[in-house]
N, C-alpha and C. Protein backbone atom coordinates (compact mmCIF):
# COMPACT_ATOMS: atom_id res chain seq x y z
N MET A 1 -11.58 5.20 24.85
CA MET A 1 -12.74 4.33 25.01
C MET A 1 -12.36 2.90 24.68
N SER A 2 -12.73 1.98 25.51
CA SER A 2 -12.43 0.57 25.29
C SER A 2 -13.73 -0.18 25.06
N ILE A 3 -13.79 -0.89 23.93
CA ILE A 3 -14.98 -1.62 23.56
C ILE A 3 -14.73 -3.11 23.72
N GLY A 4 -15.65 -3.81 24.31
CA GLY A 4 -15.48 -5.24 24.57
C GLY A 4 -15.36 -6.07 23.32
N ILE A 5 -14.74 -7.21 23.44
CA ILE A 5 -14.53 -8.12 22.33
C ILE A 5 -15.40 -9.34 22.54
N ALA A 6 -15.97 -9.83 21.48
CA ALA A 6 -16.86 -10.99 21.58
C ALA A 6 -16.12 -12.16 22.23
N LYS A 7 -16.86 -13.00 22.96
CA LYS A 7 -16.23 -14.06 23.73
C LYS A 7 -15.88 -15.28 22.88
N GLU A 8 -16.67 -15.55 21.84
CA GLU A 8 -16.47 -16.79 21.11
C GLU A 8 -16.03 -16.52 19.67
N ARG A 9 -15.16 -17.41 19.22
CA ARG A 9 -14.74 -17.39 17.82
C ARG A 9 -14.91 -18.81 17.29
N PRO A 10 -15.26 -18.94 16.01
CA PRO A 10 -15.44 -20.28 15.45
C PRO A 10 -14.12 -21.04 15.39
N PRO A 11 -14.17 -22.35 15.33
CA PRO A 11 -12.93 -23.13 15.21
C PRO A 11 -12.28 -22.89 13.85
N PHE A 12 -11.01 -23.23 13.78
CA PHE A 12 -10.28 -23.14 12.51
C PHE A 12 -10.46 -24.46 11.79
N VAL A 13 -10.98 -24.41 10.57
CA VAL A 13 -11.30 -25.63 9.83
C VAL A 13 -10.62 -25.62 8.47
N GLN A 14 -9.97 -26.72 8.14
CA GLN A 14 -9.38 -26.92 6.83
C GLN A 14 -9.96 -28.21 6.23
N PHE A 15 -10.10 -28.23 4.92
CA PHE A 15 -10.60 -29.41 4.24
C PHE A 15 -9.46 -30.06 3.46
N GLU A 16 -9.38 -31.38 3.61
CA GLU A 16 -8.31 -32.13 2.96
C GLU A 16 -8.86 -33.43 2.37
N GLU A 17 -8.28 -33.82 1.26
CA GLU A 17 -8.62 -35.13 0.68
C GLU A 17 -7.63 -36.16 1.20
N ARG A 18 -8.13 -37.29 1.61
CA ARG A 18 -7.29 -38.33 2.19
C ARG A 18 -7.69 -39.69 1.63
N GLU A 19 -6.70 -40.51 1.31
CA GLU A 19 -6.99 -41.88 0.86
C GLU A 19 -7.25 -42.75 2.08
N MET A 20 -8.39 -43.41 2.08
CA MET A 20 -8.77 -44.26 3.20
C MET A 20 -9.29 -45.59 2.65
N GLY A 21 -8.41 -46.56 2.61
CA GLY A 21 -8.80 -47.88 2.12
C GLY A 21 -8.98 -47.88 0.61
N PHE A 22 -9.84 -48.79 0.13
CA PHE A 22 -10.03 -48.93 -1.30
C PHE A 22 -11.52 -48.85 -1.65
N ASN A 23 -11.76 -48.33 -2.84
CA ASN A 23 -13.12 -48.27 -3.38
C ASN A 23 -13.37 -49.61 -4.06
N GLU A 24 -14.13 -50.46 -3.41
CA GLU A 24 -14.31 -51.83 -3.90
C GLU A 24 -14.98 -51.86 -5.27
N GLU A 25 -16.02 -51.07 -5.44
CA GLU A 25 -16.74 -51.09 -6.72
C GLU A 25 -15.86 -50.59 -7.85
N ALA A 26 -15.15 -49.47 -7.61
CA ALA A 26 -14.29 -48.92 -8.65
C ALA A 26 -13.11 -49.86 -8.92
N SER A 27 -12.59 -50.51 -7.88
CA SER A 27 -11.48 -51.44 -8.06
C SER A 27 -11.91 -52.64 -8.90
N LYS A 28 -13.11 -53.15 -8.64
CA LYS A 28 -13.62 -54.29 -9.39
C LYS A 28 -13.81 -53.94 -10.86
N THR A 29 -14.31 -52.72 -11.11
CA THR A 29 -14.53 -52.29 -12.50
C THR A 29 -13.21 -52.08 -13.22
N ALA A 30 -12.24 -51.50 -12.54
CA ALA A 30 -10.95 -51.19 -13.17
C ALA A 30 -10.03 -52.38 -13.21
N GLY A 31 -10.30 -53.41 -12.39
CA GLY A 31 -9.43 -54.57 -12.36
C GLY A 31 -8.13 -54.30 -11.63
N ARG A 32 -8.10 -53.28 -10.83
CA ARG A 32 -6.90 -52.93 -10.06
C ARG A 32 -7.34 -52.15 -8.84
N PRO A 33 -6.51 -52.05 -7.82
CA PRO A 33 -6.90 -51.34 -6.60
C PRO A 33 -7.09 -49.84 -6.86
N ILE A 34 -8.24 -49.34 -6.51
CA ILE A 34 -8.54 -47.90 -6.62
C ILE A 34 -8.77 -47.38 -5.20
N PRO A 35 -7.98 -46.43 -4.78
CA PRO A 35 -8.14 -45.93 -3.41
C PRO A 35 -9.46 -45.19 -3.22
N ARG A 36 -9.97 -45.28 -2.03
CA ARG A 36 -11.17 -44.54 -1.66
C ARG A 36 -10.74 -43.19 -1.10
N VAL A 37 -11.11 -42.13 -1.82
CA VAL A 37 -10.71 -40.78 -1.43
C VAL A 37 -11.85 -40.13 -0.65
N VAL A 38 -11.52 -39.66 0.54
CA VAL A 38 -12.52 -39.05 1.42
C VAL A 38 -12.08 -37.63 1.74
N THR A 39 -13.04 -36.71 1.76
CA THR A 39 -12.75 -35.33 2.16
C THR A 39 -12.98 -35.19 3.65
N LEU A 40 -11.95 -34.77 4.35
CA LEU A 40 -12.03 -34.61 5.80
C LEU A 40 -12.10 -33.14 6.18
N ALA A 41 -12.82 -32.87 7.23
CA ALA A 41 -12.81 -31.55 7.86
C ALA A 41 -11.86 -31.63 9.04
N CYS A 42 -10.77 -30.88 8.97
CA CYS A 42 -9.77 -30.88 10.05
C CYS A 42 -10.07 -29.68 10.95
N ILE A 43 -10.51 -29.95 12.16
CA ILE A 43 -11.08 -28.93 13.04
C ILE A 43 -10.17 -28.66 14.23
N THR A 44 -9.78 -27.41 14.38
CA THR A 44 -8.98 -27.00 15.53
C THR A 44 -9.78 -25.97 16.32
N PRO A 45 -10.26 -26.33 17.51
CA PRO A 45 -11.02 -25.35 18.30
C PRO A 45 -10.19 -24.11 18.58
N HIS A 46 -10.85 -22.97 18.64
CA HIS A 46 -10.14 -21.71 18.87
C HIS A 46 -9.38 -21.74 20.19
N GLY A 47 -8.11 -21.39 20.10
CA GLY A 47 -7.26 -21.35 21.28
C GLY A 47 -6.74 -22.69 21.74
N SER A 48 -6.90 -23.72 20.91
CA SER A 48 -6.45 -25.07 21.28
C SER A 48 -5.45 -25.58 20.26
N LYS A 49 -4.60 -26.51 20.71
CA LYS A 49 -3.65 -27.14 19.79
C LYS A 49 -4.18 -28.48 19.31
N ASP A 50 -5.30 -28.91 19.87
CA ASP A 50 -5.89 -30.19 19.46
C ASP A 50 -6.55 -30.06 18.09
N ARG A 51 -6.49 -31.14 17.33
CA ARG A 51 -7.07 -31.14 15.98
C ARG A 51 -7.89 -32.40 15.81
N PHE A 52 -9.12 -32.22 15.38
CA PHE A 52 -10.02 -33.34 15.16
C PHE A 52 -10.32 -33.47 13.68
N GLU A 53 -10.45 -34.69 13.23
CA GLU A 53 -10.74 -34.94 11.83
C GLU A 53 -12.05 -35.71 11.70
N LYS A 54 -12.95 -35.19 10.85
CA LYS A 54 -14.22 -35.85 10.60
C LYS A 54 -14.52 -35.80 9.12
N VAL A 55 -15.28 -36.77 8.64
CA VAL A 55 -15.68 -36.76 7.24
C VAL A 55 -16.50 -35.48 7.02
N ALA A 56 -16.09 -34.69 6.04
CA ALA A 56 -16.65 -33.35 5.87
C ALA A 56 -18.17 -33.35 5.73
N ASP A 57 -18.70 -34.18 4.82
CA ASP A 57 -20.15 -34.18 4.59
C ASP A 57 -20.92 -34.56 5.86
N GLU A 58 -20.40 -35.54 6.58
CA GLU A 58 -21.08 -35.98 7.80
C GLU A 58 -21.02 -34.90 8.88
N TRP A 59 -19.86 -34.26 9.00
CA TRP A 59 -19.71 -33.22 10.02
C TRP A 59 -20.60 -32.02 9.71
N LEU A 60 -20.64 -31.60 8.44
CA LEU A 60 -21.47 -30.46 8.06
C LEU A 60 -22.95 -30.75 8.31
N LYS A 61 -23.36 -31.98 8.02
CA LYS A 61 -24.75 -32.37 8.28
C LYS A 61 -25.03 -32.35 9.78
N GLN A 62 -24.05 -32.80 10.56
CA GLN A 62 -24.22 -32.85 12.02
C GLN A 62 -24.38 -31.44 12.60
N ILE A 63 -23.50 -30.51 12.22
CA ILE A 63 -23.59 -29.17 12.81
C ILE A 63 -24.81 -28.42 12.29
N ARG A 64 -25.27 -28.76 11.07
CA ARG A 64 -26.49 -28.14 10.56
C ARG A 64 -27.70 -28.57 11.40
N GLU A 65 -27.76 -29.84 11.72
CA GLU A 65 -28.86 -30.34 12.55
C GLU A 65 -28.78 -29.75 13.96
N GLN A 66 -27.57 -29.62 14.49
CA GLN A 66 -27.41 -29.02 15.82
C GLN A 66 -27.82 -27.55 15.79
N ALA A 67 -27.52 -26.85 14.69
CA ALA A 67 -27.89 -25.45 14.58
C ALA A 67 -29.41 -25.28 14.55
N LEU A 68 -30.08 -26.19 13.89
CA LEU A 68 -31.54 -26.12 13.82
C LEU A 68 -32.17 -26.37 15.20
N ARG A 69 -31.43 -27.06 16.08
CA ARG A 69 -31.91 -27.29 17.44
C ARG A 69 -31.33 -26.26 18.41
N ALA A 70 -30.72 -25.22 17.85
CA ALA A 70 -30.12 -24.14 18.66
C ALA A 70 -29.00 -24.65 19.56
N GLN A 71 -28.29 -25.71 19.11
CA GLN A 71 -27.18 -26.28 19.88
C GLN A 71 -25.83 -25.93 19.25
N TYR A 72 -25.87 -25.17 18.16
CA TYR A 72 -24.64 -24.78 17.47
C TYR A 72 -24.95 -23.47 16.75
N PRO A 73 -24.02 -22.51 16.72
CA PRO A 73 -24.30 -21.23 16.06
C PRO A 73 -24.63 -21.43 14.57
N LEU A 74 -25.79 -20.97 14.17
CA LEU A 74 -26.22 -21.12 12.78
C LEU A 74 -25.28 -20.38 11.83
N GLU A 75 -24.78 -19.25 12.27
CA GLU A 75 -23.86 -18.46 11.44
C GLU A 75 -22.60 -19.27 11.13
N TRP A 76 -22.11 -20.01 12.11
CA TRP A 76 -20.92 -20.84 11.88
C TRP A 76 -21.23 -21.96 10.90
N ALA A 77 -22.37 -22.61 11.09
CA ALA A 77 -22.75 -23.72 10.21
C ALA A 77 -22.85 -23.24 8.76
N ASN A 78 -23.45 -22.08 8.56
CA ASN A 78 -23.57 -21.52 7.21
C ASN A 78 -22.20 -21.18 6.63
N TYR A 79 -21.34 -20.63 7.48
CA TYR A 79 -20.00 -20.25 7.02
C TYR A 79 -19.20 -21.47 6.58
N PHE A 80 -19.22 -22.54 7.40
CA PHE A 80 -18.43 -23.72 7.06
C PHE A 80 -18.97 -24.42 5.81
N GLN A 81 -20.29 -24.39 5.63
CA GLN A 81 -20.85 -24.97 4.42
C GLN A 81 -20.41 -24.17 3.19
N ALA A 82 -20.43 -22.84 3.31
CA ALA A 82 -19.98 -21.99 2.21
C ALA A 82 -18.50 -22.19 1.94
N ALA A 83 -17.71 -22.33 3.02
CA ALA A 83 -16.27 -22.55 2.86
C ALA A 83 -16.00 -23.88 2.15
N TYR A 84 -16.77 -24.89 2.49
CA TYR A 84 -16.60 -26.21 1.87
C TYR A 84 -16.98 -26.15 0.38
N ASP A 85 -18.06 -25.46 0.07
CA ASP A 85 -18.48 -25.31 -1.32
C ASP A 85 -17.41 -24.59 -2.14
N GLU A 86 -16.81 -23.55 -1.56
CA GLU A 86 -15.75 -22.82 -2.26
C GLU A 86 -14.50 -23.68 -2.39
N TRP A 87 -14.20 -24.45 -1.36
CA TRP A 87 -13.01 -25.33 -1.40
C TRP A 87 -13.13 -26.33 -2.54
N LYS A 88 -14.31 -26.86 -2.75
CA LYS A 88 -14.52 -27.84 -3.83
C LYS A 88 -14.34 -27.18 -5.20
N LYS A 89 -14.52 -25.87 -5.27
CA LYS A 89 -14.31 -25.14 -6.54
C LYS A 89 -12.86 -24.72 -6.71
N GLY A 90 -12.05 -25.02 -5.69
CA GLY A 90 -10.64 -24.63 -5.75
C GLY A 90 -10.37 -23.27 -5.13
N ASN A 91 -11.36 -22.74 -4.44
CA ASN A 91 -11.21 -21.44 -3.80
C ASN A 91 -11.14 -21.60 -2.28
N GLU A 92 -10.78 -20.53 -1.62
CA GLU A 92 -10.74 -20.54 -0.15
C GLU A 92 -11.50 -19.34 0.35
N LEU A 93 -12.49 -19.57 1.19
CA LEU A 93 -13.30 -18.49 1.74
C LEU A 93 -12.53 -17.84 2.88
N PRO A 94 -12.27 -16.52 2.79
CA PRO A 94 -11.51 -15.88 3.86
C PRO A 94 -12.27 -15.88 5.18
N ARG A 95 -11.52 -16.02 6.25
CA ARG A 95 -12.12 -16.01 7.59
C ARG A 95 -12.47 -14.57 7.95
N GLU A 96 -13.57 -14.39 8.66
CA GLU A 96 -14.00 -13.05 9.03
C GLU A 96 -13.02 -12.42 10.01
N GLY A 97 -12.61 -11.21 9.73
CA GLY A 97 -11.67 -10.52 10.60
C GLY A 97 -10.54 -9.88 9.80
N THR A 98 -9.58 -9.31 10.53
CA THR A 98 -8.42 -8.67 9.91
C THR A 98 -7.28 -9.68 9.81
N PRO A 99 -6.79 -9.97 8.61
CA PRO A 99 -5.76 -11.01 8.45
C PRO A 99 -4.47 -10.69 9.22
N VAL A 100 -3.95 -11.70 9.88
CA VAL A 100 -2.68 -11.54 10.60
C VAL A 100 -1.54 -11.30 9.61
N ARG A 101 -1.63 -11.90 8.43
CA ARG A 101 -0.51 -11.82 7.47
C ARG A 101 -0.24 -10.39 7.00
N THR A 102 -1.24 -9.50 7.11
CA THR A 102 -1.04 -8.10 6.69
C THR A 102 -0.93 -7.15 7.89
N TRP A 103 -0.80 -7.71 9.07
CA TRP A 103 -0.75 -6.89 10.29
C TRP A 103 0.67 -6.40 10.51
N PRO A 104 0.90 -5.08 10.44
CA PRO A 104 2.26 -4.57 10.56
C PRO A 104 2.84 -4.63 11.97
N ALA A 105 2.00 -4.95 12.98
CA ALA A 105 2.47 -4.93 14.37
C ALA A 105 3.29 -6.16 14.74
N VAL A 106 3.29 -7.21 13.91
CA VAL A 106 4.04 -8.42 14.23
C VAL A 106 5.12 -8.65 13.18
N THR A 107 6.10 -9.44 13.58
CA THR A 107 7.17 -9.78 12.64
C THR A 107 6.67 -10.86 11.67
N LYS A 108 7.42 -11.09 10.63
CA LYS A 108 7.05 -12.11 9.66
C LYS A 108 7.02 -13.48 10.32
N GLU A 109 7.98 -13.75 11.19
CA GLU A 109 8.03 -15.03 11.89
C GLU A 109 6.81 -15.22 12.77
N GLN A 110 6.43 -14.18 13.49
CA GLN A 110 5.27 -14.27 14.37
C GLN A 110 3.99 -14.49 13.55
N GLY A 111 3.89 -13.80 12.41
CA GLY A 111 2.72 -13.96 11.56
C GLY A 111 2.58 -15.37 11.02
N VAL A 112 3.69 -15.93 10.58
CA VAL A 112 3.69 -17.31 10.05
C VAL A 112 3.32 -18.29 11.16
N ARG A 113 3.86 -18.07 12.35
CA ARG A 113 3.58 -18.96 13.48
C ARG A 113 2.11 -18.92 13.88
N LEU A 114 1.55 -17.74 13.91
CA LEU A 114 0.14 -17.60 14.27
C LEU A 114 -0.77 -18.27 13.24
N GLN A 115 -0.47 -18.09 11.97
CA GLN A 115 -1.30 -18.70 10.93
C GLN A 115 -1.21 -20.22 10.98
N ALA A 116 -0.03 -20.73 11.29
CA ALA A 116 0.14 -22.18 11.37
C ALA A 116 -0.69 -22.77 12.51
N LEU A 117 -0.98 -21.96 13.52
CA LEU A 117 -1.80 -22.40 14.65
C LEU A 117 -3.29 -22.19 14.42
N GLY A 118 -3.63 -21.67 13.23
CA GLY A 118 -5.03 -21.41 12.93
C GLY A 118 -5.50 -20.05 13.38
N LEU A 119 -4.60 -19.24 13.93
CA LEU A 119 -4.95 -17.88 14.35
C LEU A 119 -4.70 -16.95 13.18
N THR A 120 -5.60 -17.00 12.21
CA THR A 120 -5.39 -16.29 10.95
C THR A 120 -5.85 -14.84 10.97
N THR A 121 -6.59 -14.44 12.00
CA THR A 121 -7.04 -13.05 12.10
C THR A 121 -6.66 -12.46 13.45
N ILE A 122 -6.61 -11.14 13.50
CA ILE A 122 -6.29 -10.46 14.75
C ILE A 122 -7.37 -10.72 15.79
N GLU A 123 -8.62 -10.85 15.33
CA GLU A 123 -9.72 -11.13 16.24
C GLU A 123 -9.56 -12.50 16.89
N ASP A 124 -9.10 -13.49 16.12
CA ASP A 124 -8.83 -14.82 16.68
C ASP A 124 -7.79 -14.73 17.79
N LEU A 125 -6.72 -14.01 17.50
CA LEU A 125 -5.63 -13.88 18.47
C LEU A 125 -6.11 -13.16 19.72
N ALA A 126 -6.88 -12.10 19.56
CA ALA A 126 -7.34 -11.31 20.70
C ALA A 126 -8.22 -12.11 21.64
N GLN A 127 -8.92 -13.11 21.11
CA GLN A 127 -9.84 -13.89 21.93
C GLN A 127 -9.28 -15.24 22.36
N THR A 128 -7.98 -15.41 22.21
CA THR A 128 -7.35 -16.65 22.66
C THR A 128 -7.43 -16.76 24.18
N PRO A 129 -7.96 -17.87 24.71
CA PRO A 129 -8.05 -18.02 26.17
C PRO A 129 -6.66 -18.20 26.78
N ASP A 130 -6.58 -18.00 28.08
CA ASP A 130 -5.30 -18.14 28.77
C ASP A 130 -4.67 -19.51 28.54
N GLY A 131 -5.53 -20.53 28.48
CA GLY A 131 -4.99 -21.87 28.29
C GLY A 131 -4.35 -22.10 26.95
N GLY A 132 -4.62 -21.22 25.98
CA GLY A 132 -4.05 -21.39 24.64
C GLY A 132 -2.83 -20.54 24.38
N LEU A 133 -2.44 -19.71 25.37
CA LEU A 133 -1.30 -18.82 25.16
C LEU A 133 0.01 -19.58 25.06
N GLY A 134 0.13 -20.66 25.83
CA GLY A 134 1.37 -21.45 25.78
C GLY A 134 1.60 -22.09 24.43
N VAL A 135 0.52 -22.38 23.71
CA VAL A 135 0.64 -22.98 22.38
C VAL A 135 1.30 -21.99 21.43
N ILE A 136 0.98 -20.71 21.61
CA ILE A 136 1.55 -19.68 20.73
C ILE A 136 3.05 -19.55 20.94
N GLY A 137 3.49 -19.61 22.20
CA GLY A 137 4.90 -19.46 22.50
C GLY A 137 5.09 -18.54 23.69
N PRO A 138 6.33 -18.25 24.04
CA PRO A 138 6.60 -17.39 25.20
C PRO A 138 6.06 -15.98 25.04
N ASP A 139 5.81 -15.56 23.80
CA ASP A 139 5.26 -14.22 23.57
C ASP A 139 3.75 -14.25 23.37
N GLY A 140 3.11 -15.36 23.75
CA GLY A 140 1.68 -15.50 23.53
C GLY A 140 0.84 -14.42 24.19
N ARG A 141 1.10 -14.17 25.47
CA ARG A 141 0.31 -13.16 26.19
C ARG A 141 0.55 -11.77 25.61
N TYR A 142 1.81 -11.49 25.28
CA TYR A 142 2.13 -10.19 24.69
C TYR A 142 1.38 -9.99 23.37
N LEU A 143 1.37 -11.02 22.52
CA LEU A 143 0.70 -10.91 21.23
C LEU A 143 -0.81 -10.76 21.40
N ARG A 144 -1.38 -11.49 22.36
CA ARG A 144 -2.82 -11.35 22.58
C ARG A 144 -3.17 -9.95 23.06
N ASP A 145 -2.38 -9.42 24.02
CA ASP A 145 -2.63 -8.06 24.52
C ASP A 145 -2.46 -7.03 23.40
N LEU A 146 -1.50 -7.28 22.53
CA LEU A 146 -1.26 -6.37 21.41
C LEU A 146 -2.47 -6.38 20.47
N ALA A 147 -3.02 -7.56 20.23
CA ALA A 147 -4.19 -7.67 19.36
C ALA A 147 -5.40 -6.97 19.97
N LYS A 148 -5.61 -7.15 21.28
CA LYS A 148 -6.74 -6.49 21.95
C LYS A 148 -6.60 -4.97 21.86
N SER A 149 -5.40 -4.47 22.11
CA SER A 149 -5.17 -3.02 22.05
C SER A 149 -5.41 -2.50 20.64
N TRP A 150 -4.96 -3.25 19.64
CA TRP A 150 -5.13 -2.82 18.25
C TRP A 150 -6.60 -2.73 17.88
N ILE A 151 -7.40 -3.70 18.32
CA ILE A 151 -8.84 -3.71 18.00
C ILE A 151 -9.53 -2.52 18.67
N ASN A 152 -9.23 -2.30 19.96
CA ASN A 152 -9.86 -1.19 20.67
C ASN A 152 -9.47 0.16 20.09
N GLU A 153 -8.19 0.31 19.71
CA GLU A 153 -7.76 1.57 19.12
C GLU A 153 -8.42 1.78 17.77
N SER A 154 -8.59 0.71 17.00
CA SER A 154 -9.23 0.82 15.70
C SER A 154 -10.68 1.24 15.85
N LYS A 155 -11.37 0.68 16.85
CA LYS A 155 -12.77 1.05 17.08
C LYS A 155 -12.88 2.48 17.56
N ASP A 156 -11.94 2.89 18.43
CA ASP A 156 -11.95 4.28 18.89
C ASP A 156 -11.75 5.24 17.72
N LYS A 157 -10.83 4.87 16.82
CA LYS A 157 -10.59 5.71 15.64
C LYS A 157 -11.84 5.78 14.77
N GLY A 158 -12.54 4.65 14.67
CA GLY A 158 -13.76 4.64 13.87
C GLY A 158 -14.82 5.53 14.47
N ILE A 159 -14.96 5.49 15.81
CA ILE A 159 -15.94 6.33 16.49
C ILE A 159 -15.57 7.80 16.34
N ASN A 160 -14.27 8.10 16.52
CA ASN A 160 -13.82 9.48 16.38
C ASN A 160 -14.01 9.98 14.95
N ALA A 161 -13.78 9.10 13.98
CA ALA A 161 -13.94 9.49 12.58
C ALA A 161 -15.40 9.81 12.28
N LYS A 162 -16.32 9.03 12.86
CA LYS A 162 -17.74 9.29 12.66
C LYS A 162 -18.14 10.62 13.30
N ALA A 163 -17.64 10.85 14.51
CA ALA A 163 -17.95 12.11 15.19
C ALA A 163 -17.43 13.30 14.38
N LEU A 164 -16.24 13.15 13.81
CA LEU A 164 -15.66 14.23 13.00
C LEU A 164 -16.49 14.44 11.73
N ALA A 165 -16.92 13.34 11.12
CA ALA A 165 -17.73 13.45 9.90
C ALA A 165 -19.06 14.12 10.20
N ASP A 166 -19.68 13.77 11.34
CA ASP A 166 -20.95 14.40 11.73
C ASP A 166 -20.76 15.90 11.98
N ALA A 167 -19.65 16.24 12.64
CA ALA A 167 -19.38 17.65 12.91
C ALA A 167 -19.17 18.43 11.61
N ASN A 168 -18.44 17.82 10.68
CA ASN A 168 -18.21 18.47 9.39
C ASN A 168 -19.52 18.66 8.63
N ALA A 169 -20.41 17.67 8.74
CA ALA A 169 -21.71 17.78 8.07
C ALA A 169 -22.52 18.92 8.66
N ARG A 170 -22.48 19.06 10.00
CA ARG A 170 -23.20 20.16 10.64
C ARG A 170 -22.63 21.51 10.22
N ILE A 171 -21.31 21.61 10.15
CA ILE A 171 -20.67 22.87 9.74
C ILE A 171 -21.04 23.21 8.31
N THR A 172 -21.07 22.20 7.44
CA THR A 172 -21.44 22.43 6.04
C THR A 172 -22.86 22.95 5.93
N GLU A 173 -23.77 22.36 6.71
CA GLU A 173 -25.17 22.80 6.70
C GLU A 173 -25.29 24.23 7.24
N GLN A 174 -24.54 24.53 8.29
CA GLN A 174 -24.57 25.89 8.84
C GLN A 174 -24.02 26.90 7.83
N ASP A 175 -22.95 26.52 7.12
CA ASP A 175 -22.39 27.40 6.10
C ASP A 175 -23.41 27.65 4.98
N ARG A 176 -24.17 26.60 4.62
CA ARG A 176 -25.17 26.74 3.57
C ARG A 176 -26.28 27.69 4.01
N GLN A 177 -26.73 27.52 5.27
CA GLN A 177 -27.78 28.40 5.79
C GLN A 177 -27.30 29.84 5.86
N LEU A 178 -26.03 30.04 6.28
CA LEU A 178 -25.47 31.38 6.37
C LEU A 178 -25.37 32.02 4.98
N ALA A 179 -24.99 31.22 3.99
CA ALA A 179 -24.90 31.74 2.62
C ALA A 179 -26.27 32.14 2.11
N ASP A 180 -27.30 31.36 2.43
CA ASP A 180 -28.66 31.70 2.02
C ASP A 180 -29.11 33.01 2.67
N MET A 181 -28.78 33.18 3.96
CA MET A 181 -29.15 34.41 4.65
C MET A 181 -28.45 35.62 4.01
N ARG A 182 -27.17 35.47 3.69
CA ARG A 182 -26.43 36.56 3.06
C ARG A 182 -27.02 36.91 1.70
N GLN A 183 -27.43 35.91 0.96
CA GLN A 183 -28.04 36.15 -0.34
C GLN A 183 -29.36 36.89 -0.20
N SER A 184 -30.15 36.48 0.81
CA SER A 184 -31.43 37.15 1.04
C SER A 184 -31.21 38.61 1.43
N ILE A 185 -30.21 38.88 2.28
CA ILE A 185 -29.91 40.25 2.70
C ILE A 185 -29.45 41.09 1.52
N THR A 186 -28.60 40.49 0.65
CA THR A 186 -28.12 41.20 -0.53
C THR A 186 -29.28 41.58 -1.45
N GLU A 187 -30.20 40.65 -1.65
CA GLU A 187 -31.35 40.92 -2.51
C GLU A 187 -32.24 41.99 -1.90
N LEU A 188 -32.43 41.97 -0.59
CA LEU A 188 -33.25 42.97 0.08
C LEU A 188 -32.63 44.36 -0.04
N LYS A 189 -31.30 44.45 0.15
CA LYS A 189 -30.60 45.72 0.01
C LYS A 189 -30.75 46.28 -1.40
N ALA A 190 -30.64 45.39 -2.40
CA ALA A 190 -30.77 45.84 -3.78
C ALA A 190 -32.18 46.37 -4.06
N GLU A 191 -33.16 45.70 -3.48
CA GLU A 191 -34.55 46.14 -3.67
C GLU A 191 -34.78 47.50 -3.02
N LEU A 192 -34.26 47.72 -1.81
CA LEU A 192 -34.41 49.00 -1.12
C LEU A 192 -33.68 50.11 -1.87
N ALA A 193 -32.49 49.81 -2.39
CA ALA A 193 -31.72 50.81 -3.14
C ALA A 193 -32.46 51.22 -4.40
N ALA A 194 -33.09 50.26 -5.05
CA ALA A 194 -33.86 50.58 -6.26
C ALA A 194 -35.04 51.48 -5.94
N GLN A 195 -35.67 51.25 -4.81
CA GLN A 195 -36.81 52.06 -4.42
C GLN A 195 -36.37 53.50 -4.10
N VAL A 196 -35.23 53.68 -3.45
CA VAL A 196 -34.73 55.01 -3.10
C VAL A 196 -34.32 55.78 -4.35
N ALA A 197 -33.72 55.11 -5.32
CA ALA A 197 -33.22 55.78 -6.53
C ALA A 197 -34.33 56.13 -7.50
N ALA A 198 -35.47 55.55 -7.41
CA ALA A 198 -36.56 55.81 -8.37
C ALA A 198 -37.12 57.21 -8.13
N PRO A 199 -37.46 58.03 -9.23
CA PRO A 199 -38.03 59.38 -9.08
C PRO A 199 -39.41 59.30 -8.46
N PRO A 200 -39.77 60.32 -7.64
CA PRO A 200 -41.09 60.29 -6.99
C PRO A 200 -42.22 60.44 -8.00
N LYS A 201 -43.27 59.80 -7.78
CA LYS A 201 -44.42 59.87 -8.67
C LYS A 201 -45.23 61.14 -8.36
N ARG A 202 -45.68 61.89 -9.45
CA ARG A 202 -46.47 63.10 -9.27
C ARG A 202 -47.91 62.75 -8.95
N GLY A 203 -48.53 63.58 -8.13
CA GLY A 203 -49.92 63.34 -7.75
C GLY A 203 -50.88 63.73 -8.88
N PRO A 204 -52.18 63.64 -8.66
CA PRO A 204 -53.16 63.94 -9.71
C PRO A 204 -53.31 65.45 -10.00
N GLY A 205 -52.73 66.37 -9.16
CA GLY A 205 -52.80 67.82 -9.39
C GLY A 205 -54.04 68.45 -8.76
N ARG A 206 -54.07 69.87 -8.79
CA ARG A 206 -55.18 70.59 -8.17
C ARG A 206 -56.37 70.61 -9.11
N PRO A 207 -57.58 70.32 -8.62
CA PRO A 207 -58.76 70.35 -9.50
C PRO A 207 -59.08 71.79 -9.95
N ARG A 208 -59.57 71.98 -11.14
CA ARG A 208 -59.90 73.29 -11.70
C ARG A 208 -61.09 73.91 -10.96
N SER A 209 -61.02 75.27 -10.74
CA SER A 209 -62.13 75.97 -10.06
C SER A 209 -63.21 76.33 -11.06
N ILE A 210 -64.37 76.83 -10.54
CA ILE A 210 -65.50 77.18 -11.43
C ILE A 210 -65.16 78.37 -12.28
N MET A 211 -64.39 79.36 -11.72
CA MET A 211 -64.00 80.53 -12.47
C MET A 211 -63.12 80.19 -13.62
N GLU A 212 -62.22 79.24 -13.38
CA GLU A 212 -61.31 78.82 -14.47
C GLU A 212 -62.09 78.13 -15.56
N GLU A 213 -63.17 77.47 -15.18
CA GLU A 213 -63.95 76.78 -16.20
C GLU A 213 -64.75 77.76 -17.04
N GLY A 214 -65.18 78.94 -16.47
CA GLY A 214 -65.97 79.91 -17.23
C GLY A 214 -65.17 80.88 -18.03
N SER A 215 -63.93 80.97 -17.83
CA SER A 215 -63.10 81.93 -18.55
C SER A 215 -62.78 81.46 -19.96
């Protein structure tokens, strides 16, 4: 069974601090040049080698407003905001999907190359458009086909596992019902055996005649 793969994947986004000019107010207070540090969102669209840089706070506000107007996926906007919040805490929010770095189907070199291109999950790789295969390298199409096959096989295994679990549950229930029936039969046999083994009860006897009463 082959299950379709979603058409769209969010862009690959990294947050970086960059010095851009000088902070005039801080420089005046310190009496020396103080650089103005800005956090940038470095955005690489899925399947593209192009990279765009925007001020993180401004970009997040922009996509949030677009999401409210149904012009940008709200799920993506929420994810990038959460990723930015975690980045500021020194953490990194994992991208949804199966990490390429733990995928045994590729070599270490291929895994490193894919991650450097922002293809950090197997799902990202599987949905790479034809125009982005050349960016990956001469093995781009092979790797994408491999990722698609891996996803479909994993889903098939999941469906088969569920079917097997359901079948096992039905067998367990049938075994329980059969055990209950056997127990009921055993109890019935014991009851019948007890009735057969019990001595017969004597009747009330023959009533006395009038002659026997007068004697």
